Amino acid sequence: MGMIAKQDLVHGAWYVGHCRNAEYAKWNGEKKHFVHWRWKFAVKYPETILHPEDDQVYDVFEPYEKVDKPDFVEEIEL
C-alpha cells in the first residue's frame, strides 16, 4: 500500500501511517499538517507534524490509510 498524496487527504480525518512518534494522526486541511498525541517523560500532549511533500529534512507522518478514529486513541483538537 502506498502513501496517500497530500491533495487526497480529508480535513478532520484520521490516518494510520508512520512517523517516529505515532501510528495514528489526524489531518488538519486548513493548516496543512497532521496532529497526533505525543508522550514524552510521562507527559501526553498534541504535536503537529508535516506530510512528506512539505519536508525532506525532519520527521514527517506518512499516511497509508484513512481510518475511523481508533477506540484507544483519545480525540484531539485540530
PDB file of N, CA and C in Angstrom:
ATOM      1  N   MET A   1       0.849  -1.175   0.000  1.00  0.00           N
ATOM      2  CA  MET A   1       0.000   0.000   0.000  1.00  0.00           C
ATOM      3  C   MET A   1       0.894   1.236   0.000  1.00  0.00           C
ATOM      4  N   GLY A   2       0.610   2.171  -0.878  1.00  0.00           N
ATOM      5  CA  GLY A   2       1.429   3.364  -0.997  1.00  0.00           C
ATOM      6  C   GLY A   2       0.953   4.502  -0.116  1.00  0.00           C
ATOM      7  N   MET A   3       1.801   5.484   0.019  1.00  0.00           N
ATOM      8  CA  MET A   3       1.480   6.662   0.806  1.00  0.00           C
ATOM      9  C   MET A   3       0.420   7.496   0.103  1.00  0.00           C
ATOM     10  N   ILE A   4      -0.496   8.077   0.871  1.00  0.00           N
ATOM     11  CA  ILE A   4      -1.555   8.926   0.333  1.00  0.00           C
ATOM     12  C   ILE A   4      -0.983  10.310   0.046  1.00  0.00           C
ATOM     13  N   ALA A   5      -1.249  10.814  -1.142  1.00  0.00           N
ATOM     14  CA  ALA A   5      -0.786  12.150  -1.528  1.00  0.00           C
ATOM     15  C   ALA A   5      -1.503  13.211  -0.698  1.00  0.00           C
ATOM     16  N   LYS A   6      -0.822  14.292  -0.439  1.00  0.00           N
ATOM     17  CA  LYS A   6      -1.367  15.384   0.369  1.00  0.00           C
ATOM     18  C   LYS A   6      -2.686  15.898  -0.205  1.00  0.00           C
ATOM     19  N   GLN A   7      -2.789  16.005  -1.511  1.00  0.00           N
ATOM     20  CA  GLN A   7      -4.000  16.529  -2.153  1.00  0.00           C
ATOM     21  C   GLN A   7      -5.209  15.619  -1.935  1.00  0.00           C
ATOM     22  N   ASP A   8      -4.992  14.359  -1.566  1.00  0.00           N
ATOM     23  CA  ASP A   8      -6.081  13.402  -1.378  1.00  0.00           C
ATOM     24  C   ASP A   8      -6.520  13.257   0.078  1.00  0.00           C
ATOM     25  N   LEU A   9      -5.883  13.976   0.992  1.00  0.00           N
ATOM     26  CA  LEU A   9      -6.245  13.902   2.407  1.00  0.00           C
ATOM     27  C   LEU A   9      -7.535  14.676   2.680  1.00  0.00           C
ATOM     28  N   VAL A  10      -8.277  14.222   3.695  1.00  0.00           N
ATOM     29  CA  VAL A  10      -9.573  14.815   4.048  1.00  0.00           C
ATOM     30  C   VAL A  10      -9.441  15.530   5.392  1.00  0.00           C
ATOM     31  N   HIS A  11      -9.844  16.796   5.428  1.00  0.00           N
ATOM     32  CA  HIS A  11      -9.778  17.587   6.657  1.00  0.00           C
ATOM     33  C   HIS A  11     -10.548  16.894   7.780  1.00  0.00           C
ATOM     34  N   GLY A  12      -9.902  16.740   8.937  1.00  0.00           N
ATOM     35  CA  GLY A  12     -10.532  16.142  10.109  1.00  0.00           C
ATOM     36  C   GLY A  12     -10.518  14.625  10.139  1.00  0.00           C
ATOM     37  N   ALA A  13      -9.974  13.988   9.110  1.00  0.00           N
ATOM     38  CA  ALA A  13      -9.941  12.529   9.060  1.00  0.00           C
ATOM     39  C   ALA A  13      -8.712  11.989   9.782  1.00  0.00           C
ATOM     40  N   TRP A  14      -8.860  10.792  10.329  1.00  0.00           N
ATOM     41  CA  TRP A  14      -7.756  10.069  10.967  1.00  0.00           C
ATOM     42  C   TRP A  14      -7.074   9.181   9.943  1.00  0.00           C
ATOM     43  N   TYR A  15      -5.774   9.033  10.085  1.00  0.00           N
ATOM     44  CA  TYR A  15      -4.994   8.192   9.179  1.00  0.00           C
ATOM     45  C   TYR A  15      -4.059   7.296   9.982  1.00  0.00           C
ATOM     46  N   VAL A  16      -3.883   6.087   9.492  1.00  0.00           N
ATOM     47  CA  VAL A  16      -2.848   5.212  10.026  1.00  0.00           C
ATOM     48  C   VAL A  16      -1.644   5.401   9.116  1.00  0.00           C
ATOM     49  N   GLY A  17      -0.480   5.468   9.735  1.00  0.00           N
ATOM     50  CA  GLY A  17       0.719   5.710   8.959  1.00  0.00           C
ATOM     51  C   GLY A  17       1.948   5.540   9.818  1.00  0.00           C
ATOM     52  N   HIS A  18       2.973   6.295   9.481  1.00  0.00           N
ATOM     53  CA  HIS A  18       4.238   6.120  10.181  1.00  0.00           C
ATOM     54  C   HIS A  18       4.965   7.451  10.361  1.00  0.00           C
ATOM     55  N   CYS A  19       5.430   7.653  11.578  1.00  0.00           N
ATOM     56  CA  CYS A  19       6.425   8.677  11.899  1.00  0.00           C
ATOM     57  C   CYS A  19       7.156   8.173  13.129  1.00  0.00           C
ATOM     58  N   ARG A  20       8.097   8.907  13.598  1.00  0.00           N
ATOM     59  CA  ARG A  20       8.906   8.442  14.722  1.00  0.00           C
ATOM     60  C   ARG A  20       8.086   8.242  15.999  1.00  0.00           C
ATOM     61  N   ASN A  21       7.033   9.048  16.208  1.00  0.00           N
ATOM     62  CA  ASN A  21       6.317   9.028  17.481  1.00  0.00           C
ATOM     63  C   ASN A  21       4.847   8.643  17.414  1.00  0.00           C
ATOM     64  N   ALA A  22       4.331   8.264  16.249  1.00  0.00           N
ATOM     65  CA  ALA A  22       2.899   7.950  16.177  1.00  0.00           C
ATOM     66  C   ALA A  22       2.578   7.020  15.018  1.00  0.00           C
ATOM     67  N   GLU A  23       1.507   6.266  15.213  1.00  0.00           N
ATOM     68  CA  GLU A  23       0.976   5.423  14.143  1.00  0.00           C
ATOM     69  C   GLU A  23      -0.352   5.954  13.633  1.00  0.00           C
ATOM     70  N   TYR A  24      -0.984   6.853  14.403  1.00  0.00           N
ATOM     71  CA  TYR A  24      -2.261   7.451  14.025  1.00  0.00           C
ATOM     72  C   TYR A  24      -2.150   8.961  14.140  1.00  0.00           C
ATOM     73  N   ALA A  25      -2.694   9.657  13.163  1.00  0.00           N
ATOM     74  CA  ALA A  25      -2.678  11.116  13.191  1.00  0.00           C
ATOM     75  C   ALA A  25      -3.924  11.643  12.485  1.00  0.00           C
ATOM     76  N   LYS A  26      -4.306  12.844  12.842  1.00  0.00           N
ATOM     77  CA  LYS A  26      -5.490  13.498  12.285  1.00  0.00           C
ATOM     78  C   LYS A  26      -5.033  14.647  11.388  1.00  0.00           C
ATOM     79  N   TRP A  27      -5.621  14.744  10.189  1.00  0.00           N
ATOM     80  CA  TRP A  27      -5.217  15.744   9.207  1.00  0.00           C
ATOM     81  C   TRP A  27      -5.978  17.047   9.417  1.00  0.00           C
ATOM     82  N   ASN A  28      -5.247  18.159   9.493  1.00  0.00           N
ATOM     83  CA  ASN A  28      -5.839  19.488   9.525  1.00  0.00           C
ATOM     84  C   ASN A  28      -5.619  20.095   8.144  1.00  0.00           C
ATOM     85  N   GLY A  29      -6.668  20.057   7.323  1.00  0.00           N
ATOM     86  CA  GLY A  29      -6.569  20.543   5.960  1.00  0.00           C
ATOM     87  C   GLY A  29      -6.448  22.050   5.851  1.00  0.00           C
ATOM     88  N   GLU A  30      -6.872  22.774   6.892  1.00  0.00           N
ATOM     89  CA  GLU A  30      -6.757  24.233   6.870  1.00  0.00           C
ATOM     90  C   GLU A  30      -5.319  24.674   7.128  1.00  0.00           C
ATOM     91  N   LYS A  31      -4.659  24.024   8.075  1.00  0.00           N
ATOM     92  CA  LYS A  31      -3.282  24.386   8.414  1.00  0.00           C
ATOM     93  C   LYS A  31      -2.255  23.518   7.694  1.00  0.00           C
ATOM     94  N   LYS A  32      -2.738  22.488   6.992  1.00  0.00           N
ATOM     95  CA  LYS A  32      -1.874  21.610   6.185  1.00  0.00           C
ATOM     96  C   LYS A  32      -0.822  20.871   7.002  1.00  0.00           C
ATOM     97  N   HIS A  33      -1.273  20.280   8.117  1.00  0.00           N
ATOM     98  CA  HIS A  33      -0.393  19.425   8.910  1.00  0.00           C
ATOM     99  C   HIS A  33      -1.218  18.374   9.644  1.00  0.00           C
ATOM    100  N   PHE A  34      -0.547  17.360  10.144  1.00  0.00           N
ATOM    101  CA  PHE A  34      -1.183  16.336  10.973  1.00  0.00           C
ATOM    102  C   PHE A  34      -1.026  16.723  12.433  1.00  0.00           C
ATOM    103  N   VAL A  35      -1.938  16.193  13.263  1.00  0.00           N
ATOM    104  CA  VAL A  35      -1.855  16.345  14.714  1.00  0.00           C
ATOM    105  C   VAL A  35      -1.928  14.942  15.305  1.00  0.00           C
ATOM    106  N   HIS A  36      -1.067  14.659  16.255  1.00  0.00           N
ATOM    107  CA  HIS A  36      -1.096  13.362  16.934  1.00  0.00           C
ATOM    108  C   HIS A  36      -0.733  13.557  18.395  1.00  0.00           C
ATOM    109  N   TRP A  37      -1.025  12.534  19.207  1.00  0.00           N
ATOM    110  CA  TRP A  37      -0.648  12.570  20.613  1.00  0.00           C
ATOM    111  C   TRP A  37       0.797  12.109  20.757  1.00  0.00           C
ATOM    112  N   ARG A  38       1.546  12.846  21.536  1.00  0.00           N
ATOM    113  CA  ARG A  38       2.954  12.511  21.794  1.00  0.00           C
ATOM    114  C   ARG A  38       3.157  12.316  23.280  1.00  0.00           C
ATOM    115  N   TRP A  39       3.830  11.260  23.653  1.00  0.00           N
ATOM    116  CA  TRP A  39       4.234  11.012  25.035  1.00  0.00           C
ATOM    117  C   TRP A  39       5.722  11.305  25.166  1.00  0.00           C
ATOM    118  N   LYS A  40       6.062  12.122  26.171  1.00  0.00           N
ATOM    119  CA  LYS A  40       7.468  12.411  26.432  1.00  0.00           C
ATOM    120  C   LYS A  40       7.633  12.636  27.934  1.00  0.00           C
ATOM    121  N   PHE A  41       8.470  11.838  28.557  1.00  0.00           N
ATOM    122  CA  PHE A  41       8.696  11.923  30.006  1.00  0.00           C
ATOM    123  C   PHE A  41       7.378  11.843  30.776  1.00  0.00           C
ATOM    124  N   ALA A  42       6.529  10.896  30.417  1.00  0.00           N
ATOM    125  CA  ALA A  42       5.239  10.624  31.076  1.00  0.00           C
ATOM    126  C   ALA A  42       4.227  11.758  30.927  1.00  0.00           C
ATOM    127  N   VAL A  43       4.436  12.634  29.966  1.00  0.00           N
ATOM    128  CA  VAL A  43       3.509  13.729  29.695  1.00  0.00           C
ATOM    129  C   VAL A  43       2.955  13.551  28.284  1.00  0.00           C
ATOM    130  N   LYS A  44       1.624  13.622  28.163  1.00  0.00           N
ATOM    131  CA  LYS A  44       0.988  13.494  26.853  1.00  0.00           C
ATOM    132  C   LYS A  44       0.559  14.876  26.359  1.00  0.00           C
ATOM    133  N   TYR A  45       0.883  15.186  25.107  1.00  0.00           N
ATOM    134  CA  TYR A  45       0.498  16.479  24.546  1.00  0.00           C
ATOM    135  C   TYR A  45       0.314  16.344  23.034  1.00  0.00           C
ATOM    136  N   PRO A  46      -0.500  17.235  22.432  1.00  0.00           N
ATOM    137  CA  PRO A  46      -0.669  17.179  20.980  1.00  0.00           C
ATOM    138  C   PRO A  46       0.554  17.760  20.276  1.00  0.00           C
ATOM    139  N   GLU A  47       0.941  17.105  19.198  1.00  0.00           N
ATOM    140  CA  GLU A  47       2.092  17.568  18.421  1.00  0.00           C
ATOM    141  C   GLU A  47       1.697  17.625  16.953  1.00  0.00           C
ATOM    142  N   THR A  48       2.182  18.622  16.249  1.00  0.00           N
ATOM    143  CA  THR A  48       1.919  18.719  14.815  1.00  0.00           C
ATOM    144  C   THR A  48       3.101  18.148  14.053  1.00  0.00           C
ATOM    145  N   ILE A  49       2.808  17.650  12.856  1.00  0.00           N
ATOM    146  CA  ILE A  49       3.845  17.067  12.013  1.00  0.00           C
ATOM    147  C   ILE A  49       3.423  17.219  10.559  1.00  0.00           C
ATOM    148  N   LEU A  50       4.373  17.420   9.687  1.00  0.00           N
ATOM    149  CA  LEU A  50       4.085  17.673   8.276  1.00  0.00           C
ATOM    150  C   LEU A  50       3.977  16.390   7.461  1.00  0.00           C
ATOM    151  N   HIS A  51       3.370  16.528   6.299  1.00  0.00           N
ATOM    152  CA  HIS A  51       3.317  15.479   5.292  1.00  0.00           C
ATOM    153  C   HIS A  51       4.672  15.464   4.573  1.00  0.00           C
ATOM    154  N   PRO A  52       5.128  14.317   4.084  1.00  0.00           N
ATOM    155  CA  PRO A  52       6.433  14.255   3.397  1.00  0.00           C
ATOM    156  C   PRO A  52       6.576  15.209   2.208  1.00  0.00           C
ATOM    157  N   GLU A  53       5.472  15.616   1.586  1.00  0.00           N
ATOM    158  CA  GLU A  53       5.568  16.561   0.468  1.00  0.00           C
ATOM    159  C   GLU A  53       6.026  17.941   0.922  1.00  0.00           C
ATOM    160  N   ASP A  54       5.944  18.206   2.244  1.00  0.00           N
ATOM    161  CA  ASP A  54       6.280  19.522   2.766  1.00  0.00           C
ATOM    162  C   ASP A  54       7.618  19.596   3.496  1.00  0.00           C
ATOM    163  N   ASP A  55       8.266  18.471   3.717  1.00  0.00           N
ATOM    164  CA  ASP A  55       9.525  18.492   4.450  1.00  0.00           C
ATOM    165  C   ASP A  55      10.360  17.277   4.074  1.00  0.00           C
ATOM    166  N   GLN A  56      11.590  17.492   3.731  1.00  0.00           N
ATOM    167  CA  GLN A  56      12.502  16.410   3.384  1.00  0.00           C
ATOM    168  C   GLN A  56      13.650  16.287   4.386  1.00  0.00           C
ATOM    169  N   VAL A  57      13.594  17.075   5.473  1.00  0.00           N
ATOM    170  CA  VAL A  57      14.683  17.095   6.435  1.00  0.00           C
ATOM    171  C   VAL A  57      14.278  16.482   7.774  1.00  0.00           C
ATOM    172  N   TYR A  58      13.133  16.921   8.318  1.00  0.00           N
ATOM    173  CA  TYR A  58      12.705  16.495   9.646  1.00  0.00           C
ATOM    174  C   TYR A  58      11.724  15.335   9.558  1.00  0.00           C
ATOM    175  N   ASP A  59      11.355  14.794  10.727  1.00  0.00           N
ATOM    176  CA  ASP A  59      10.387  13.702  10.790  1.00  0.00           C
ATOM    177  C   ASP A  59       9.060  14.152  10.191  1.00  0.00           C
ATOM    178  N   VAL A  60       8.416  13.268   9.457  1.00  0.00           N
ATOM    179  CA  VAL A  60       7.135  13.540   8.810  1.00  0.00           C
ATOM    180  C   VAL A  60       6.201  12.359   9.076  1.00  0.00           C
ATOM    181  N   PHE A  61       4.898  12.562   8.886  1.00  0.00           N
ATOM    182  CA  PHE A  61       3.925  11.481   9.016  1.00  0.00           C
ATOM    183  C   PHE A  61       3.561  11.009   7.622  1.00  0.00           C
ATOM    184  N   GLU A  62       3.798   9.740   7.357  1.00  0.00           N
ATOM    185  CA  GLU A  62       3.475   9.133   6.068  1.00  0.00           C
ATOM    186  C   GLU A  62       2.124   8.417   6.192  1.00  0.00           C
ATOM    187  N   PRO A  63       1.040   8.991   5.660  1.00  0.00           N
ATOM    188  CA  PRO A  63      -0.276   8.360   5.785  1.00  0.00           C
ATOM    189  C   PRO A  63      -0.467   7.253   4.747  1.00  0.00           C
ATOM    190  N   TYR A  64      -0.970   6.107   5.200  1.00  0.00           N
ATOM    191  CA  TYR A  64      -1.169   4.976   4.299  1.00  0.00           C
ATOM    192  C   TYR A  64      -2.636   4.600   4.107  1.00  0.00           C
ATOM    193  N   GLU A  65      -3.480   4.936   5.114  1.00  0.00           N
ATOM    194  CA  GLU A  65      -4.884   4.553   5.007  1.00  0.00           C
ATOM    195  C   GLU A  65      -5.742   5.447   5.892  1.00  0.00           C
ATOM    196  N   LYS A  66      -6.860   5.919   5.355  1.00  0.00           N
ATOM    197  CA  LYS A  66      -7.838   6.679   6.131  1.00  0.00           C
ATOM    198  C   LYS A  66      -8.607   5.683   6.985  1.00  0.00           C
ATOM    199  N   VAL A  67      -8.776   5.994   8.279  1.00  0.00           N
ATOM    200  CA  VAL A  67      -9.441   5.081   9.203  1.00  0.00           C
ATOM    201  C   VAL A  67     -10.400   5.854  10.101  1.00  0.00           C
ATOM    202  N   ASP A  68     -11.328   5.115  10.719  1.00  0.00           N
ATOM    203  CA  ASP A  68     -12.132   5.702  11.785  1.00  0.00           C
ATOM    204  C   ASP A  68     -11.206   5.919  12.974  1.00  0.00           C
ATOM    205  N   LYS A  69     -11.543   6.877  13.823  1.00  0.00           N
ATOM    206  CA  LYS A  69     -10.713   7.116  14.999  1.00  0.00           C
ATOM    207  C   LYS A  69     -10.647   5.832  15.818  1.00  0.00           C
ATOM    208  N   PRO A  70      -9.461   5.343  16.086  1.00  0.00           N
ATOM    209  CA  PRO A  70      -9.338   4.131  16.895  1.00  0.00           C
ATOM    210  C   PRO A  70      -9.903   4.360  18.304  1.00  0.00           C
ATOM    211  N   ASP A  71     -10.561   3.357  18.855  1.00  0.00           N
ATOM    212  CA  ASP A  71     -11.154   3.479  20.188  1.00  0.00           C
ATOM    213  C   ASP A  71     -10.122   3.804  21.254  1.00  0.00           C
ATOM    214  N   PHE A  72      -8.908   3.336  21.077  1.00  0.00           N
ATOM    215  CA  PHE A  72      -7.876   3.532  22.095  1.00  0.00           C
ATOM    216  C   PHE A  72      -7.150   4.876  21.960  1.00  0.00           C
ATOM    217  N   VAL A  73      -7.505   5.662  20.947  1.00  0.00           N
ATOM    218  CA  VAL A  73      -6.880   6.970  20.764  1.00  0.00           C
ATOM    219  C   VAL A  73      -7.858   8.050  21.206  1.00  0.00           C
ATOM    220  N   GLU A  74      -7.413   8.899  22.104  1.00  0.00           N
ATOM    221  CA  GLU A  74      -8.244   9.997  22.588  1.00  0.00           C
ATOM    222  C   GLU A  74      -8.438  11.016  21.470  1.00  0.00           C
ATOM    223  N   GLU A  75      -9.656  11.596  21.410  1.00  0.00           N
ATOM    224  CA  GLU A  75      -9.927  12.626  20.397  1.00  0.00           C
ATOM    225  C   GLU A  75      -8.946  13.774  20.573  1.00  0.00           C
ATOM    226  N   ILE A  76      -8.645  14.443  19.491  1.00  0.00           N
ATOM    227  CA  ILE A  76      -7.660  15.533  19.524  1.00  0.00           C
ATOM    228  C   ILE A  76      -8.225  16.715  18.739  1.00  0.00           C
ATOM    229  N   GLU A  77      -8.028  17.899  19.257  1.00  0.00           N
ATOM    230  CA  GLU A  77      -8.497  19.114  18.582  1.00  0.00           C
ATOM    231  C   GLU A  77      -7.544  19.494  17.464  1.00  0.00           C
ATOM    232  N   LEU A  78      -8.114  20.030  16.407  1.00  0.00           N
ATOM    233  CA  LEU A  78      -7.272  20.487  15.306  1.00  0.00           C
ATOM    234  C   LEU A  78      -6.816  21.898  15.603  1.00  0.00           C
TER     235      LEU A  78
END
